[in-house]
Amino acid sequence: MMELYGKTEAGGSGRGGNVGGAVVSDDEDASEVKLDWKAQKEEQARIRKRQNDLKKTEDEIHELELRDGEIDLLLTQEEVFTDVARLMELNHEKEGISQRLEGLYSLWEKLAE
């Protein structure tokens, strides 16, 4: 049969029919399109989430690196390096920042792939 403008010579709609020996209905076509659309939307959502997580990770890394630099500057000030309690407090904070950064760098590498 010859198809003209979505109609077959026999007057059918041109949809459905016999494909590869199997009859394909309009419902099956629509269902397949919906599944493809849903899968595409899920993939887009996954990519957006990954990008958002990457941005949050980069922002936290930036903030921690800034604070680490601030602590380094504080440690060069005489009133800080002569105050043992303050020195210990800053050193403890610096160690915590270092540990957190290690984890964030690993996470960033996974997200950036």
PDB file of N, CA and C in Angstrom:
ATOM      1  N   MET A   1       0.830  -1.180   0.000  1.00  0.00           N
ATOM      2  CA  MET A   1       0.000   0.000   0.000  1.00  0.00           C
ATOM      3  C   MET A   1       0.871   1.239   0.000  1.00  0.00           C
ATOM      4  N   MET A   2       0.401   2.264  -0.627  1.00  0.00           N
ATOM      5  CA  MET A   2       1.135   3.510  -0.675  1.00  0.00           C
ATOM      6  C   MET A   2       0.575   4.463   0.368  1.00  0.00           C
ATOM      7  N   GLU A   3       1.470   5.096   1.147  1.00  0.00           N
ATOM      8  CA  GLU A   3       1.019   6.009   2.190  1.00  0.00           C
ATOM      9  C   GLU A   3       1.065   7.437   1.664  1.00  0.00           C
ATOM     10  N   LEU A   4      -0.044   8.134   1.794  1.00  0.00           N
ATOM     11  CA  LEU A   4      -0.138   9.527   1.367  1.00  0.00           C
ATOM     12  C   LEU A   4      -0.574  10.372   2.543  1.00  0.00           C
ATOM     13  N   TYR A   5       0.312  11.295   2.971  1.00  0.00           N
ATOM     14  CA  TYR A   5      -0.021  12.227   4.041  1.00  0.00           C
ATOM     15  C   TYR A   5      -0.588  11.542   5.278  1.00  0.00           C
ATOM     16  N   GLY A   6       0.060  10.490   5.718  1.00  0.00           N
ATOM     17  CA  GLY A   6      -0.341   9.826   6.945  1.00  0.00           C
ATOM     18  C   GLY A   6      -1.532   8.887   6.750  1.00  0.00           C
ATOM     19  N   LYS A   7      -2.081   8.792   5.550  1.00  0.00           N
ATOM     20  CA  LYS A   7      -3.203   7.894   5.274  1.00  0.00           C
ATOM     21  C   LYS A   7      -2.728   6.835   4.279  1.00  0.00           C
ATOM     22  N   THR A   8      -3.219   5.654   4.427  1.00  0.00           N
ATOM     23  CA  THR A   8      -2.891   4.619   3.460  1.00  0.00           C
ATOM     24  C   THR A   8      -3.980   4.589   2.405  1.00  0.00           C
ATOM     25  N   GLU A   9      -3.676   3.960   1.325  1.00  0.00           N
ATOM     26  CA  GLU A   9      -4.671   3.875   0.245  1.00  0.00           C
ATOM     27  C   GLU A   9      -5.942   3.198   0.725  1.00  0.00           C
ATOM     28  N   ALA A  10      -5.796   2.316   1.697  1.00  0.00           N
ATOM     29  CA  ALA A  10      -6.969   1.602   2.184  1.00  0.00           C
ATOM     30  C   ALA A  10      -7.784   2.470   3.131  1.00  0.00           C
ATOM     31  N   GLY A  11      -7.288   3.682   3.429  1.00  0.00           N
ATOM     32  CA  GLY A  11      -8.048   4.589   4.274  1.00  0.00           C
ATOM     33  C   GLY A  11      -7.672   4.517   5.733  1.00  0.00           C
ATOM     34  N   GLY A  12      -6.656   3.738   6.083  1.00  0.00           N
ATOM     35  CA  GLY A  12      -6.227   3.650   7.470  1.00  0.00           C
ATOM     36  C   GLY A  12      -5.425   4.877   7.864  1.00  0.00           C
ATOM     37  N   SER A  13      -5.103   4.988   9.124  1.00  0.00           N
ATOM     38  CA  SER A  13      -4.379   6.157   9.620  1.00  0.00           C
ATOM     39  C   SER A  13      -2.890   6.068   9.363  1.00  0.00           C
ATOM     40  N   GLY A  14      -2.385   4.911   9.018  1.00  0.00           N
ATOM     41  CA  GLY A  14      -0.953   4.754   8.800  1.00  0.00           C
ATOM     42  C   GLY A  14      -0.222   4.430  10.086  1.00  0.00           C
ATOM     43  N   ARG A  15      -0.908   4.358  11.207  1.00  0.00           N
ATOM     44  CA  ARG A  15      -0.286   4.034  12.490  1.00  0.00           C
ATOM     45  C   ARG A  15      -0.507   2.565  12.794  1.00  0.00           C
ATOM     46  N   GLY A  16       0.292   2.070  13.699  1.00  0.00           N
ATOM     47  CA  GLY A  16       0.158   0.667  14.068  1.00  0.00           C
ATOM     48  C   GLY A  16       0.552  -0.192  12.888  1.00  0.00           C
ATOM     49  N   GLY A  17       0.141  -1.390  12.903  1.00  0.00           N
ATOM     50  CA  GLY A  17       0.385  -2.230  11.749  1.00  0.00           C
ATOM     51  C   GLY A  17       1.336  -3.354  12.052  1.00  0.00           C
ATOM     52  N   ASN A  18       1.804  -3.955  10.990  1.00  0.00           N
ATOM     53  CA  ASN A  18       2.660  -5.113  11.080  1.00  0.00           C
ATOM     54  C   ASN A  18       4.103  -4.673  10.918  1.00  0.00           C
ATOM     55  N   VAL A  19       4.890  -4.796  11.981  1.00  0.00           N
ATOM     56  CA  VAL A  19       6.297  -4.412  11.944  1.00  0.00           C
ATOM     57  C   VAL A  19       7.123  -5.646  12.252  1.00  0.00           C
ATOM     58  N   GLY A  20       7.884  -6.078  11.280  1.00  0.00           N
ATOM     59  CA  GLY A  20       8.768  -7.233  11.493  1.00  0.00           C
ATOM     60  C   GLY A  20       8.013  -8.475  11.884  1.00  0.00           C
ATOM     61  N   GLY A  21       6.802  -8.646  11.393  1.00  0.00           N
ATOM     62  CA  GLY A  21       6.035  -9.833  11.707  1.00  0.00           C
ATOM     63  C   GLY A  21       5.214  -9.701  12.975  1.00  0.00           C
ATOM     64  N   ALA A  22       5.388  -8.622  13.738  1.00  0.00           N
ATOM     65  CA  ALA A  22       4.618  -8.417  14.962  1.00  0.00           C
ATOM     66  C   ALA A  22       3.709  -7.216  14.778  1.00  0.00           C
ATOM     67  N   VAL A  23       2.540  -7.309  15.287  1.00  0.00           N
ATOM     68  CA  VAL A  23       1.594  -6.199  15.170  1.00  0.00           C
ATOM     69  C   VAL A  23       1.910  -5.203  16.269  1.00  0.00           C
ATOM     70  N   VAL A  24       2.122  -3.924  15.890  1.00  0.00           N
ATOM     71  CA  VAL A  24       2.458  -2.864  16.835  1.00  0.00           C
ATOM     72  C   VAL A  24       1.264  -1.932  16.916  1.00  0.00           C
ATOM     73  N   SER A  25       0.740  -1.733  18.094  1.00  0.00           N
ATOM     74  CA  SER A  25      -0.427  -0.878  18.254  1.00  0.00           C
ATOM     75  C   SER A  25      -0.014   0.542  18.592  1.00  0.00           C
ATOM     76  N   ASP A  26      -0.961   1.458  18.467  1.00  0.00           N
ATOM     77  CA  ASP A  26      -0.721   2.857  18.820  1.00  0.00           C
ATOM     78  C   ASP A  26      -0.375   2.983  20.298  1.00  0.00           C
ATOM     79  N   ASP A  27      -1.011   2.167  21.140  1.00  0.00           N
ATOM     80  CA  ASP A  27      -0.752   2.207  22.579  1.00  0.00           C
ATOM     81  C   ASP A  27       0.684   1.812  22.888  1.00  0.00           C
ATOM     82  N   GLU A  28       1.187   0.809  22.180  1.00  0.00           N
ATOM     83  CA  GLU A  28       2.572   0.381  22.403  1.00  0.00           C
ATOM     84  C   GLU A  28       3.546   1.463  21.963  1.00  0.00           C
ATOM     85  N   ASP A  29       3.255   2.128  20.841  1.00  0.00           N
ATOM     86  CA  ASP A  29       4.104   3.229  20.372  1.00  0.00           C
ATOM     87  C   ASP A  29       4.118   4.364  21.392  1.00  0.00           C
ATOM     88  N   ALA A  30       2.949   4.746  21.866  1.00  0.00           N
ATOM     89  CA  ALA A  30       2.841   5.833  22.840  1.00  0.00           C
ATOM     90  C   ALA A  30       3.542   5.462  24.138  1.00  0.00           C
ATOM     91  N   SER A  31       3.393   4.219  24.546  1.00  0.00           N
ATOM     92  CA  SER A  31       4.027   3.748  25.767  1.00  0.00           C
ATOM     93  C   SER A  31       5.548   3.808  25.646  1.00  0.00           C
ATOM     94  N   GLU A  32       6.050   3.407  24.480  1.00  0.00           N
ATOM     95  CA  GLU A  32       7.497   3.446  24.247  1.00  0.00           C
ATOM     96  C   GLU A  32       8.011   4.881  24.260  1.00  0.00           C
ATOM     97  N   VAL A  33       7.265   5.786  23.656  1.00  0.00           N
ATOM     98  CA  VAL A  33       7.654   7.201  23.633  1.00  0.00           C
ATOM     99  C   VAL A  33       7.673   7.764  25.049  1.00  0.00           C
ATOM    100  N   LYS A  34       6.668   7.392  25.851  1.00  0.00           N
ATOM    101  CA  LYS A  34       6.613   7.858  27.242  1.00  0.00           C
ATOM    102  C   LYS A  34       7.799   7.342  28.037  1.00  0.00           C
ATOM    103  N   LEU A  35       8.168   6.083  27.818  1.00  0.00           N
ATOM    104  CA  LEU A  35       9.321   5.514  28.523  1.00  0.00           C
ATOM    105  C   LEU A  35      10.611   6.209  28.110  1.00  0.00           C
ATOM    106  N   ASP A  36      10.755   6.473  26.811  1.00  0.00           N
ATOM    107  CA  ASP A  36      11.939   7.197  26.331  1.00  0.00           C
ATOM    108  C   ASP A  36      11.994   8.588  26.938  1.00  0.00           C
ATOM    109  N   TRP A  37      10.866   9.275  26.971  1.00  0.00           N
ATOM    110  CA  TRP A  37      10.803  10.627  27.529  1.00  0.00           C
ATOM    111  C   TRP A  37      11.134  10.595  29.010  1.00  0.00           C
ATOM    112  N   LYS A  38      10.560   9.613  29.727  1.00  0.00           N
ATOM    113  CA  LYS A  38      10.819   9.480  31.162  1.00  0.00           C
ATOM    114  C   LYS A  38      12.297   9.197  31.424  1.00  0.00           C
ATOM    115  N   ALA A  39      12.881   8.306  30.644  1.00  0.00           N
ATOM    116  CA  ALA A  39      14.301   7.978  30.808  1.00  0.00           C
ATOM    117  C   ALA A  39      15.165   9.201  30.538  1.00  0.00           C
ATOM    118  N   GLN A  40      14.793   9.976  29.534  1.00  0.00           N
ATOM    119  CA  GLN A  40      15.545  11.189  29.205  1.00  0.00           C
ATOM    120  C   GLN A  40      15.452  12.208  30.348  1.00  0.00           C
ATOM    121  N   LYS A  41      14.263  12.370  30.914  1.00  0.00           N
ATOM    122  CA  LYS A  41      14.076  13.296  32.034  1.00  0.00           C
ATOM    123  C   LYS A  41      14.848  12.830  33.263  1.00  0.00           C
ATOM    124  N   GLU A  42      14.844  11.535  33.509  1.00  0.00           N
ATOM    125  CA  GLU A  42      15.597  11.005  34.646  1.00  0.00           C
ATOM    126  C   GLU A  42      17.089  11.246  34.471  1.00  0.00           C
ATOM    127  N   GLU A  43      17.581  11.073  33.266  1.00  0.00           N
ATOM    128  CA  GLU A  43      19.005  11.314  32.984  1.00  0.00           C
ATOM    129  C   GLU A  43      19.342  12.787  33.161  1.00  0.00           C
ATOM    130  N   GLN A  44      18.452  13.659  32.683  1.00  0.00           N
ATOM    131  CA  GLN A  44      18.682  15.096  32.847  1.00  0.00           C
ATOM    132  C   GLN A  44      18.693  15.474  34.324  1.00  0.00           C
ATOM    133  N   ALA A  45      17.800  14.887  35.111  1.00  0.00           N
ATOM    134  CA  ALA A  45      17.751  15.161  36.553  1.00  0.00           C
ATOM    135  C   ALA A  45      19.029  14.664  37.226  1.00  0.00           C
ATOM    136  N   ARG A  46      19.504  13.496  36.816  1.00  0.00           N
ATOM    137  CA  ARG A  46      20.743  12.945  37.385  1.00  0.00           C
ATOM    138  C   ARG A  46      21.927  13.855  37.082  1.00  0.00           C
ATOM    139  N   ILE A  47      21.986  14.360  35.862  1.00  0.00           N
ATOM    140  CA  ILE A  47      23.079  15.257  35.463  1.00  0.00           C
ATOM    141  C   ILE A  47      22.998  16.563  36.248  1.00  0.00           C
ATOM    142  N   ARG A  48      21.785  17.113  36.399  1.00  0.00           N
ATOM    143  CA  ARG A  48      21.612  18.354  37.172  1.00  0.00           C
ATOM    144  C   ARG A  48      22.042  18.161  38.618  1.00  0.00           C
ATOM    145  N   LYS A  49      21.663  17.027  39.211  1.00  0.00           N
ATOM    146  CA  LYS A  49      22.041  16.754  40.598  1.00  0.00           C
ATOM    147  C   LYS A  49      23.559  16.667  40.729  1.00  0.00           C
ATOM    148  N   ARG A  50      24.188  15.994  39.789  1.00  0.00           N
ATOM    149  CA  ARG A  50      25.646  15.863  39.818  1.00  0.00           C
ATOM    150  C   ARG A  50      26.311  17.238  39.699  1.00  0.00           C
ATOM    151  N   GLN A  51      25.780  18.081  38.803  1.00  0.00           N
ATOM    152  CA  GLN A  51      26.335  19.426  38.637  1.00  0.00           C
ATOM    153  C   GLN A  51      26.140  20.257  39.901  1.00  0.00           C
ATOM    154  N   ASN A  52      24.968  20.133  40.527  1.00  0.00           N
ATOM    155  CA  ASN A  52      24.712  20.862  41.772  1.00  0.00           C
ATOM    156  C   ASN A  52      25.632  20.387  42.887  1.00  0.00           C
ATOM    157  N   ASP A  53      25.807  19.073  42.993  1.00  0.00           N
ATOM    158  CA  ASP A  53      26.713  18.523  44.003  1.00  0.00           C
ATOM    159  C   ASP A  53      28.141  18.982  43.761  1.00  0.00           C
ATOM    160  N   LEU A  54      28.544  19.037  42.506  1.00  0.00           N
ATOM    161  CA  LEU A  54      29.885  19.494  42.159  1.00  0.00           C
ATOM    162  C   LEU A  54      30.064  20.958  42.574  1.00  0.00           C
ATOM    163  N   LYS A  55      29.067  21.784  42.288  1.00  0.00           N
ATOM    164  CA  LYS A  55      29.138  23.212  42.639  1.00  0.00           C
ATOM    165  C   LYS A  55      29.220  23.383  44.153  1.00  0.00           C
ATOM    166  N   LYS A  56      28.388  22.652  44.897  1.00  0.00           N
ATOM    167  CA  LYS A  56      28.417  22.732  46.361  1.00  0.00           C
ATOM    168  C   LYS A  56      29.778  22.296  46.906  1.00  0.00           C
ATOM    169  N   THR A  57      30.323  21.243  46.330  1.00  0.00           N
ATOM    170  CA  THR A  57      31.631  20.743  46.762  1.00  0.00           C
ATOM    171  C   THR A  57      32.708  21.778  46.494  1.00  0.00           C
ATOM    172  N   GLU A  58      32.684  22.372  45.304  1.00  0.00           N
ATOM    173  CA  GLU A  58      33.668  23.409  44.968  1.00  0.00           C
ATOM    174  C   GLU A  58      33.544  24.613  45.893  1.00  0.00           C
ATOM    175  N   ASP A  59      32.309  25.004  46.213  1.00  0.00           N
ATOM    176  CA  ASP A  59      32.105  26.142  47.117  1.00  0.00           C
ATOM    177  C   ASP A  59      32.648  25.844  48.507  1.00  0.00           C
ATOM    178  N   GLU A  60      32.390  24.634  49.004  1.00  0.00           N
ATOM    179  CA  GLU A  60      32.896  24.279  50.334  1.00  0.00           C
ATOM    180  C   GLU A  60      34.419  24.209  50.335  1.00  0.00           C
ATOM    181  N   ILE A  61      34.998  23.665  49.282  1.00  0.00           N
ATOM    182  CA  ILE A  61      36.463  23.616  49.179  1.00  0.00           C
ATOM    183  C   ILE A  61      37.024  25.026  49.214  1.00  0.00           C
ATOM    184  N   HIS A  62      36.410  25.921  48.462  1.00  0.00           N
ATOM    185  CA  HIS A  62      36.871  27.314  48.408  1.00  0.00           C
ATOM    186  C   HIS A  62      36.829  27.960  49.797  1.00  0.00           C
ATOM    187  N   GLU A  63      35.709  27.788  50.492  1.00  0.00           N
ATOM    188  CA  GLU A  63      35.567  28.372  51.830  1.00  0.00           C
ATOM    189  C   GLU A  63      36.610  27.819  52.803  1.00  0.00           C
ATOM    190  N   LEU A  64      36.819  26.510  52.760  1.00  0.00           N
ATOM    191  CA  LEU A  64      37.796  25.900  53.668  1.00  0.00           C
ATOM    192  C   LEU A  64      39.226  26.334  53.334  1.00  0.00           C
ATOM    193  N   GLU A  65      39.524  26.459  52.041  1.00  0.00           N
ATOM    194  CA  GLU A  65      40.859  26.915  51.653  1.00  0.00           C
ATOM    195  C   GLU A  65      41.089  28.357  52.091  1.00  0.00           C
ATOM    196  N   LEU A  66      40.040  29.188  51.993  1.00  0.00           N
ATOM    197  CA  LEU A  66      40.154  30.577  52.479  1.00  0.00           C
ATOM    198  C   LEU A  66      40.424  30.604  53.980  1.00  0.00           C
ATOM    199  N   ARG A  67      39.663  29.817  54.729  1.00  0.00           N
ATOM    200  CA  ARG A  67      39.847  29.786  56.177  1.00  0.00           C
ATOM    201  C   ARG A  67      41.237  29.252  56.526  1.00  0.00           C
ATOM    202  N   ASP A  68      41.711  28.263  55.811  1.00  0.00           N
ATOM    203  CA  ASP A  68      43.046  27.723  56.051  1.00  0.00           C
ATOM    204  C   ASP A  68      44.101  28.812  55.839  1.00  0.00           C
ATOM    205  N   GLY A  69      43.913  29.604  54.807  1.00  0.00           N
ATOM    206  CA  GLY A  69      44.829  30.718  54.551  1.00  0.00           C
ATOM    207  C   GLY A  69      44.767  31.768  55.649  1.00  0.00           C
ATOM    208  N   GLU A  70      43.559  32.036  56.143  1.00  0.00           N
ATOM    209  CA  GLU A  70      43.405  32.996  57.244  1.00  0.00           C
ATOM    210  C   GLU A  70      44.148  32.511  58.486  1.00  0.00           C
ATOM    211  N   ILE A  71      44.020  31.218  58.759  1.00  0.00           N
ATOM    212  CA  ILE A  71      44.714  30.652  59.919  1.00  0.00           C
ATOM    213  C   ILE A  71      46.217  30.764  59.738  1.00  0.00           C
ATOM    214  N   ASP A  72      46.717  30.506  58.542  1.00  0.00           N
ATOM    215  CA  ASP A  72      48.155  30.646  58.282  1.00  0.00           C
ATOM    216  C   ASP A  72      48.614  32.071  58.588  1.00  0.00           C
ATOM    217  N   LEU A  73      47.830  33.058  58.186  1.00  0.00           N
ATOM    218  CA  LEU A  73      48.177  34.454  58.477  1.00  0.00           C
ATOM    219  C   LEU A  73      48.146  34.735  59.973  1.00  0.00           C
ATOM    220  N   LEU A  74      47.145  34.203  60.648  1.00  0.00           N
ATOM    221  CA  LEU A  74      47.047  34.399  62.095  1.00  0.00           C
ATOM    222  C   LEU A  74      48.258  33.797  62.811  1.00  0.00           C
ATOM    223  N   LEU A  75      48.712  32.660  62.330  1.00  0.00           N
ATOM    224  CA  LEU A  75      49.837  31.986  62.976  1.00  0.00           C
ATOM    225  C   LEU A  75      51.143  32.763  62.845  1.00  0.00           C
ATOM    226  N   THR A  76      51.191  33.723  61.935  1.00  0.00           N
ATOM    227  CA  THR A  76      52.403  34.545  61.785  1.00  0.00           C
ATOM    228  C   THR A  76      52.385  35.759  62.711  1.00  0.00           C
ATOM    229  N   GLN A  77      51.252  36.002  63.368  1.00  0.00           N
ATOM    230  CA  GLN A  77      51.144  37.165  64.259  1.00  0.00           C
ATOM    231  C   GLN A  77      51.686  36.808  65.646  1.00  0.00           C
ATOM    232  N   GLU A  78      52.500  37.700  66.164  1.00  0.00           N
ATOM    233  CA  GLU A  78      53.167  37.445  67.438  1.00  0.00           C
ATOM    234  C   GLU A  78      52.177  37.211  68.578  1.00  0.00           C
ATOM    235  N   GLU A  79      51.102  37.985  68.617  1.00  0.00           N
ATOM    236  CA  GLU A  79      50.124  37.805  69.710  1.00  0.00           C
ATOM    237  C   GLU A  79      49.436  36.448  69.650  1.00  0.00           C
ATOM    238  N   VAL A  80      49.450  35.794  68.481  1.00  0.00           N
ATOM    239  CA  VAL A  80      48.849  34.465  68.352  1.00  0.00           C
ATOM    240  C   VAL A  80      49.887  33.393  68.649  1.00  0.00           C
ATOM    241  N   PHE A  81      51.068  33.460  68.022  1.00  0.00           N
ATOM    242  CA  PHE A  81      52.027  32.371  68.228  1.00  0.00           C
ATOM    243  C   PHE A  81      52.675  32.390  69.605  1.00  0.00           C
ATOM    244  N   THR A  82      52.466  33.439  70.373  1.00  0.00           N
ATOM    245  CA  THR A  82      52.955  33.441  71.766  1.00  0.00           C
ATOM    246  C   THR A  82      51.858  33.000  72.738  1.00  0.00           C
ATOM    247  N   ASP A  83      50.628  32.895  72.285  1.00  0.00           N
ATOM    248  CA  ASP A  83      49.497  32.453  73.115  1.00  0.00           C
ATOM    249  C   ASP A  83      49.249  30.970  72.825  1.00  0.00           C
ATOM    250  N   VAL A  84      49.722  30.116  73.734  1.00  0.00           N
ATOM    251  CA  VAL A  84      49.679  28.678  73.507  1.00  0.00           C
ATOM    252  C   VAL A  84      48.248  28.167  73.319  1.00  0.00           C
ATOM    253  N   ALA A  85      47.324  28.666  74.122  1.00  0.00           N
ATOM    254  CA  ALA A  85      45.934  28.205  74.017  1.00  0.00           C
ATOM    255  C   ALA A  85      45.362  28.549  72.633  1.00  0.00           C
ATOM    256  N   ARG A  86      45.586  29.772  72.193  1.00  0.00           N
ATOM    257  CA  ARG A  86      45.091  30.199  70.868  1.00  0.00           C
ATOM    258  C   ARG A  86      45.793  29.408  69.763  1.00  0.00           C
ATOM    259  N   LEU A  87      47.076  29.177  69.928  1.00  0.00           N
ATOM    260  CA  LEU A  87      47.853  28.418  68.954  1.00  0.00           C
ATOM    261  C   LEU A  87      47.310  26.991  68.819  1.00  0.00           C
ATOM    262  N   MET A  88      47.004  26.362  69.940  1.00  0.00           N
ATOM    263  CA  MET A  88      46.454  24.999  69.931  1.00  0.00           C
ATOM    264  C   MET A  88      45.063  24.982  69.284  1.00  0.00           C
ATOM    265  N   GLU A  89      44.264  25.975  69.585  1.00  0.00           N
ATOM    266  CA  GLU A  89      42.921  26.072  69.008  1.00  0.00           C
ATOM    267  C   GLU A  89      42.990  26.180  67.478  1.00  0.00           C
ATOM    268  N   LEU A  90      43.849  27.063  67.001  1.00  0.00           N
ATOM    269  CA  LEU A  90      43.996  27.246  65.553  1.00  0.00           C
ATOM    270  C   LEU A  90      44.584  26.009  64.886  1.00  0.00           C
ATOM    271  N   ASN A  91      45.528  25.372  65.562  1.00  0.00           N
ATOM    272  CA  ASN A  91      46.131  24.155  65.020  1.00  0.00           C
ATOM    273  C   ASN A  91      45.086  23.046  64.905  1.00  0.00           C
ATOM    274  N   HIS A  92      44.243  22.932  65.921  1.00  0.00           N
ATOM    275  CA  HIS A  92      43.178  21.926  65.888  1.00  0.00           C
ATOM    276  C   HIS A  92      42.202  22.218  64.733  1.00  0.00           C
ATOM    277  N   GLU A  93      41.834  23.479  64.572  1.00  0.00           N
ATOM    278  CA  GLU A  93      40.943  23.859  63.470  1.00  0.00           C
ATOM    279  C   GLU A  93      41.592  23.562  62.118  1.00  0.00           C
ATOM    280  N   LYS A  94      42.876  23.855  62.003  1.00  0.00           N
ATOM    281  CA  LYS A  94      43.604  23.619  60.757  1.00  0.00           C
ATOM    282  C   LYS A  94      43.644  22.124  60.422  1.00  0.00           C
ATOM    283  N   GLU A  95      43.823  21.277  61.414  1.00  0.00           N
ATOM    284  CA  GLU A  95      43.820  19.830  61.186  1.00  0.00           C
ATOM    285  C   GLU A  95      42.448  19.353  60.711  1.00  0.00           C
ATOM    286  N   GLY A  96      41.391  19.889  61.313  1.00  0.00           N
ATOM    287  CA  GLY A  96      40.030  19.532  60.899  1.00  0.00           C
ATOM    288  C   GLY A  96      39.762  19.958  59.462  1.00  0.00           C
ATOM    289  N   ILE A  97      40.224  21.140  59.116  1.00  0.00           N
ATOM    290  CA  ILE A  97      40.060  21.632  57.738  1.00  0.00           C
ATOM    291  C   ILE A  97      40.803  20.723  56.771  1.00  0.00           C
ATOM    292  N   SER A  98      42.014  20.345  57.126  1.00  0.00           N
ATOM    293  CA  SER A  98      42.815  19.481  56.264  1.00  0.00           C
ATOM    294  C   SER A  98      42.124  18.139  56.019  1.00  0.00           C
ATOM    295  N   GLN A  99      41.578  17.540  57.063  1.00  0.00           N
ATOM    296  CA  GLN A  99      40.886  16.260  56.921  1.00  0.00           C
ATOM    297  C   GLN A  99      39.635  16.408  56.057  1.00  0.00           C
ATOM    298  N   ARG A 100      38.882  17.471  56.282  1.00  0.00           N
ATOM    299  CA  ARG A 100      37.661  17.692  55.502  1.00  0.00           C
ATOM    300  C   ARG A 100      38.007  17.927  54.030  1.00  0.00           C
ATOM    301  N   LEU A 101      39.071  18.681  53.786  1.00  0.00           N
ATOM    302  CA  LEU A 101      39.483  18.949  52.408  1.00  0.00           C
ATOM    303  C   LEU A 101      39.878  17.670  51.674  1.00  0.00           C
ATOM    304  N   GLU A 102      40.545  16.760  52.365  1.00  0.00           N
ATOM    305  CA  GLU A 102      40.925  15.491  51.736  1.00  0.00           C
ATOM    306  C   GLU A 102      39.693  14.762  51.215  1.00  0.00           C
ATOM    307  N   GLY A 103      38.657  14.693  52.049  1.00  0.00           N
ATOM    308  CA  GLY A 103      37.420  14.043  51.637  1.00  0.00           C
ATOM    309  C   GLY A 103      36.743  14.780  50.499  1.00  0.00           C
ATOM    310  N   LEU A 104      36.742  16.109  50.553  1.00  0.00           N
ATOM    311  CA  LEU A 104      36.114  16.906  49.498  1.00  0.00           C
ATOM    312  C   LEU A 104      36.865  16.787  48.177  1.00  0.00           C
ATOM    313  N   TYR A 105      38.191  16.719  48.239  1.00  0.00           N
ATOM    314  CA  TYR A 105      38.962  16.555  47.003  1.00  0.00           C
ATOM    315  C   TYR A 105      38.629  15.225  46.334  1.00  0.00           C
ATOM    316  N   SER A 106      38.480  14.167  47.133  1.00  0.00           N
ATOM    317  CA  SER A 106      38.114  12.856  46.583  1.00  0.00           C
ATOM    318  C   SER A 106      36.720  12.912  45.958  1.00  0.00           C
ATOM    319  N   LEU A 107      35.801  13.538  46.669  1.00  0.00           N
ATOM    320  CA  LEU A 107      34.434  13.674  46.150  1.00  0.00           C
ATOM    321  C   LEU A 107      34.430  14.491  44.872  1.00  0.00           C
ATOM    322  N   TRP A 108      35.189  15.559  44.847  1.00  0.00           N
ATOM    323  CA  TRP A 108      35.254  16.420  43.653  1.00  0.00           C
ATOM    324  C   TRP A 108      35.753  15.618  42.452  1.00  0.00           C
ATOM    325  N   GLU A 109      36.786  14.786  42.661  1.00  0.00           N
ATOM    326  CA  GLU A 109      37.315  13.967  41.556  1.00  0.00           C
ATOM    327  C   GLU A 109      36.244  13.036  40.995  1.00  0.00           C
ATOM    328  N   LYS A 110      35.434  12.433  41.876  1.00  0.00           N
ATOM    329  CA  LYS A 110      34.377  11.532  41.410  1.00  0.00           C
ATOM    330  C   LYS A 110      33.312  12.302  40.638  1.00  0.00           C
ATOM    331  N   LEU A 111      32.934  13.460  41.156  1.00  0.00           N
ATOM    332  CA  LEU A 111      31.869  14.244  40.516  1.00  0.00           C
ATOM    333  C   LEU A 111      32.317  14.880  39.212  1.00  0.00           C
ATOM    334  N   ALA A 112      33.598  15.184  39.100  1.00  0.00           N
ATOM    335  CA  ALA A 112      34.109  15.874  37.908  1.00  0.00           C
ATOM    336  C   ALA A 112      34.329  14.928  36.734  1.00  0.00           C
ATOM    337  N   GLU A 113      34.242  13.629  36.948  1.00  0.00           N
ATOM    338  CA  GLU A 113      34.460  12.657  35.856  1.00  0.00           C
ATOM    339  C   GLU A 113      33.408  12.759  34.801  1.00  0.00           C
TER     340      GLU A 113
END
